[in-house]
N, C-alpha and C. Protein backbone atom coordinates (compact mmCIF):
# COMPACT_ATOMS: atom_id res chain seq x y z
N MET A 1 -103.68 196.38 49.67
CA MET A 1 -102.88 197.54 49.32
C MET A 1 -101.46 197.33 49.83
N GLY A 2 -100.43 197.57 48.98
CA GLY A 2 -99.04 197.34 49.34
C GLY A 2 -98.48 198.42 50.24
N GLN A 3 -97.34 198.08 50.84
CA GLN A 3 -96.67 199.06 51.70
C GLN A 3 -96.06 200.15 50.84
N LYS A 4 -95.96 201.35 51.40
CA LYS A 4 -95.34 202.46 50.70
C LYS A 4 -93.91 202.63 51.19
N ALA A 5 -93.07 203.14 50.31
CA ALA A 5 -91.69 203.43 50.68
C ALA A 5 -91.67 204.61 51.65
N THR A 6 -90.74 204.58 52.60
CA THR A 6 -90.57 205.67 53.54
C THR A 6 -89.39 206.52 53.09
N ILE A 7 -89.61 207.80 52.89
CA ILE A 7 -88.54 208.71 52.49
C ILE A 7 -87.99 209.37 53.73
N TYR A 8 -86.69 209.24 53.95
CA TYR A 8 -86.03 209.81 55.12
C TYR A 8 -85.53 211.21 54.79
N PRO A 9 -85.34 212.03 55.83
CA PRO A 9 -84.74 213.35 55.58
C PRO A 9 -83.33 213.19 55.00
N ILE A 10 -82.86 214.26 54.44
CA ILE A 10 -81.51 214.27 53.86
C ILE A 10 -80.49 213.96 54.94
N ILE A 11 -79.55 213.08 54.63
CA ILE A 11 -78.45 212.79 55.55
C ILE A 11 -77.17 213.31 54.89
N GLY A 12 -76.39 214.02 55.62
CA GLY A 12 -75.20 214.63 55.03
C GLY A 12 -75.58 215.75 54.08
N LYS A 13 -74.65 216.16 53.25
CA LYS A 13 -74.89 217.27 52.33
C LYS A 13 -75.62 216.86 51.06
N HIS A 14 -75.45 215.60 50.65
CA HIS A 14 -75.95 215.22 49.33
C HIS A 14 -76.75 213.92 49.31
N LEU A 15 -76.91 213.26 50.44
CA LEU A 15 -77.53 211.93 50.44
C LEU A 15 -78.93 211.93 51.02
N SER A 16 -79.77 211.09 50.46
CA SER A 16 -81.08 210.82 51.04
C SER A 16 -81.34 209.32 50.96
N LEU A 17 -82.21 208.84 51.83
CA LEU A 17 -82.54 207.42 51.91
C LEU A 17 -84.03 207.22 51.68
N ILE A 18 -84.35 206.14 51.00
CA ILE A 18 -85.74 205.74 50.83
C ILE A 18 -85.84 204.30 51.30
N GLU A 19 -86.66 204.06 52.33
CA GLU A 19 -86.84 202.70 52.82
C GLU A 19 -87.78 201.95 51.89
N ILE A 20 -87.34 200.79 51.44
CA ILE A 20 -88.11 199.96 50.53
C ILE A 20 -88.85 198.90 51.35
N PRO A 21 -90.14 198.79 51.19
CA PRO A 21 -90.89 197.77 51.95
C PRO A 21 -90.39 196.36 51.65
N THR A 22 -90.24 195.56 52.69
CA THR A 22 -89.83 194.17 52.55
C THR A 22 -90.76 193.30 53.37
N LYS A 23 -90.77 192.01 53.08
CA LYS A 23 -91.63 191.08 53.81
C LYS A 23 -90.94 190.50 55.04
N GLY A 24 -89.62 190.47 55.04
CA GLY A 24 -88.87 189.89 56.15
C GLY A 24 -88.68 190.85 57.30
N LYS A 25 -87.87 190.42 58.27
CA LYS A 25 -87.64 191.27 59.44
C LYS A 25 -86.53 192.30 59.23
N THR A 26 -85.70 192.10 58.20
CA THR A 26 -84.64 193.08 57.93
C THR A 26 -85.17 194.16 57.00
N LYS A 27 -84.52 195.31 57.05
CA LYS A 27 -84.96 196.46 56.25
C LYS A 27 -84.03 196.65 55.06
N LYS A 28 -84.48 197.48 54.13
CA LYS A 28 -83.71 197.78 52.93
C LYS A 28 -83.97 199.24 52.54
N TRP A 29 -82.90 199.95 52.17
CA TRP A 29 -83.00 201.34 51.79
C TRP A 29 -82.28 201.59 50.47
N GLU A 30 -82.82 202.48 49.66
CA GLU A 30 -82.10 202.99 48.50
C GLU A 30 -81.35 204.24 48.96
N VAL A 31 -80.15 204.43 48.43
CA VAL A 31 -79.35 205.61 48.74
C VAL A 31 -79.28 206.46 47.47
N TRP A 32 -79.64 207.73 47.63
CA TRP A 32 -79.70 208.65 46.50
C TRP A 32 -78.84 209.88 46.74
N ASN A 33 -78.22 210.37 45.68
CA ASN A 33 -77.61 211.69 45.69
C ASN A 33 -78.74 212.63 45.31
N HIS A 34 -79.30 213.35 46.30
CA HIS A 34 -80.46 214.17 46.03
C HIS A 34 -80.12 215.42 45.21
N THR A 35 -78.85 215.80 45.20
CA THR A 35 -78.43 216.97 44.42
C THR A 35 -78.54 216.69 42.93
N LYS A 36 -78.14 215.48 42.53
CA LYS A 36 -78.15 215.10 41.11
C LYS A 36 -79.28 214.13 40.77
N ASP A 37 -80.12 213.80 41.77
CA ASP A 37 -81.18 212.81 41.60
C ASP A 37 -80.63 211.52 40.99
N GLU A 38 -79.57 211.00 41.63
CA GLU A 38 -78.84 209.84 41.12
C GLU A 38 -78.87 208.71 42.15
N HIS A 39 -79.27 207.53 41.72
CA HIS A 39 -79.27 206.35 42.59
C HIS A 39 -77.84 205.86 42.77
N LEU A 40 -77.39 205.76 44.03
CA LEU A 40 -76.01 205.37 44.32
C LEU A 40 -75.88 203.90 44.70
N GLY A 41 -76.92 203.32 45.29
CA GLY A 41 -76.86 201.93 45.72
C GLY A 41 -77.93 201.65 46.75
N GLU A 42 -77.74 200.53 47.46
CA GLU A 42 -78.71 200.13 48.47
C GLU A 42 -78.02 199.71 49.75
N ILE A 43 -78.72 199.88 50.85
CA ILE A 43 -78.30 199.34 52.13
C ILE A 43 -79.26 198.20 52.44
N ALA A 44 -78.70 197.01 52.66
CA ALA A 44 -79.52 195.83 52.93
C ALA A 44 -78.73 194.84 53.75
N TRP A 45 -79.44 193.89 54.35
CA TRP A 45 -78.80 192.82 55.11
C TRP A 45 -78.08 191.90 54.14
N ASP A 46 -76.85 191.54 54.48
CA ASP A 46 -76.08 190.59 53.68
C ASP A 46 -75.81 189.36 54.54
N GLY A 47 -76.34 188.23 54.14
CA GLY A 47 -76.19 187.00 54.92
C GLY A 47 -74.75 186.54 55.07
N GLY A 48 -73.94 186.74 54.03
CA GLY A 48 -72.53 186.35 54.10
C GLY A 48 -71.75 187.20 55.10
N TRP A 49 -72.05 188.47 55.13
CA TRP A 49 -71.38 189.39 56.05
C TRP A 49 -72.05 189.36 57.42
N ARG A 50 -73.30 188.90 57.46
CA ARG A 50 -74.11 188.85 58.68
C ARG A 50 -74.27 190.24 59.31
N LYS A 51 -74.52 191.23 58.43
CA LYS A 51 -74.73 192.61 58.86
C LYS A 51 -75.27 193.40 57.68
N TYR A 52 -75.72 194.62 57.97
CA TYR A 52 -76.13 195.52 56.90
C TYR A 52 -74.90 196.04 56.18
N VAL A 53 -75.01 196.14 54.85
CA VAL A 53 -73.92 196.66 54.03
C VAL A 53 -74.48 197.63 53.00
N PHE A 54 -73.63 198.54 52.54
CA PHE A 54 -73.95 199.38 51.40
C PHE A 54 -73.45 198.64 50.17
N ASP A 55 -74.31 198.50 49.16
CA ASP A 55 -73.98 197.76 47.94
C ASP A 55 -74.33 198.64 46.75
N ASP A 56 -73.31 198.98 45.94
CA ASP A 56 -73.56 199.81 44.76
C ASP A 56 -73.76 198.96 43.50
N GLY A 57 -73.82 197.66 43.67
CA GLY A 57 -73.97 196.77 42.52
C GLY A 57 -72.66 196.09 42.13
N TYR A 58 -71.56 196.65 42.59
CA TYR A 58 -70.23 196.09 42.30
C TYR A 58 -69.45 195.80 43.57
N LEU A 59 -69.51 196.73 44.52
CA LEU A 59 -68.75 196.63 45.75
C LEU A 59 -69.69 196.66 46.95
N LYS A 60 -69.24 196.05 48.05
CA LYS A 60 -70.01 196.09 49.30
C LYS A 60 -69.13 196.66 50.40
N PHE A 61 -69.72 197.53 51.22
CA PHE A 61 -69.02 198.13 52.34
C PHE A 61 -69.90 198.05 53.58
N ASP A 62 -69.30 197.65 54.71
CA ASP A 62 -70.04 197.72 55.97
C ASP A 62 -69.70 199.06 56.64
N ALA A 63 -70.27 199.29 57.81
CA ALA A 63 -70.04 200.56 58.50
C ALA A 63 -68.57 200.78 58.82
N ASP A 64 -67.86 199.73 59.20
CA ASP A 64 -66.43 199.87 59.52
C ASP A 64 -65.63 200.30 58.30
N CYS A 65 -65.91 199.70 57.15
CA CYS A 65 -65.21 200.07 55.91
C CYS A 65 -65.46 201.53 55.56
N LEU A 66 -66.72 201.94 55.63
CA LEU A 66 -67.06 203.32 55.28
C LEU A 66 -66.45 204.31 56.27
N PHE A 67 -66.44 203.96 57.54
CA PHE A 67 -65.83 204.81 58.57
C PHE A 67 -64.34 204.98 58.31
N ALA A 68 -63.65 203.87 57.99
CA ALA A 68 -62.22 203.92 57.72
C ALA A 68 -61.93 204.79 56.49
N LEU A 69 -62.72 204.65 55.45
CA LEU A 69 -62.53 205.49 54.26
C LEU A 69 -62.76 206.96 54.58
N GLY A 70 -63.79 207.25 55.35
CA GLY A 70 -64.08 208.62 55.75
C GLY A 70 -62.93 209.23 56.54
N ASN A 71 -62.38 208.46 57.47
CA ASN A 71 -61.25 208.95 58.27
C ASN A 71 -60.04 209.23 57.39
N PHE A 72 -59.76 208.34 56.44
CA PHE A 72 -58.64 208.55 55.53
C PHE A 72 -58.84 209.84 54.73
N LEU A 73 -60.03 210.04 54.20
CA LEU A 73 -60.29 211.25 53.42
C LEU A 73 -60.13 212.52 54.25
N LYS A 74 -60.60 212.50 55.49
CA LYS A 74 -60.45 213.66 56.37
C LYS A 74 -58.98 213.96 56.64
N LYS A 75 -58.19 212.92 56.90
CA LYS A 75 -56.77 213.12 57.17
C LYS A 75 -56.06 213.69 55.94
N GLU A 76 -56.38 213.19 54.77
CA GLU A 76 -55.74 213.70 53.56
C GLU A 76 -56.13 215.16 53.28
N MET A 77 -57.37 215.51 53.58
CA MET A 77 -57.80 216.91 53.41
C MET A 77 -57.10 217.83 54.40
N GLU A 78 -56.85 217.34 55.63
CA GLU A 78 -56.13 218.15 56.62
C GLU A 78 -54.71 218.43 56.14
N LYS A 79 -54.09 217.49 55.46
CA LYS A 79 -52.73 217.68 54.94
C LYS A 79 -52.67 218.79 53.90
N ARG A 80 -53.77 219.02 53.22
CA ARG A 80 -53.81 220.04 52.16
C ARG A 80 -53.95 221.44 52.70
N LYS A 81 -54.31 221.59 53.97
CA LYS A 81 -54.51 222.92 54.54
C LYS A 81 -53.22 223.59 54.93
């Protein structure tokens, strides 16, 4: 009998994660917009980056990239207030 995917609680306002069973020691997750039931991409180990990255099929972002984008968005929203 195969391994089952692990569904994680909602993270943030619109995101949920589903852990996909793998045979290796690294893990893999699907990222979903649970509000629209839309697959956004995957989080998986990237050998070239030597770390986990978010991959939407076109672009790859590590935690530092996503953090920097988030900070930029917050600063721009503060300017609008």
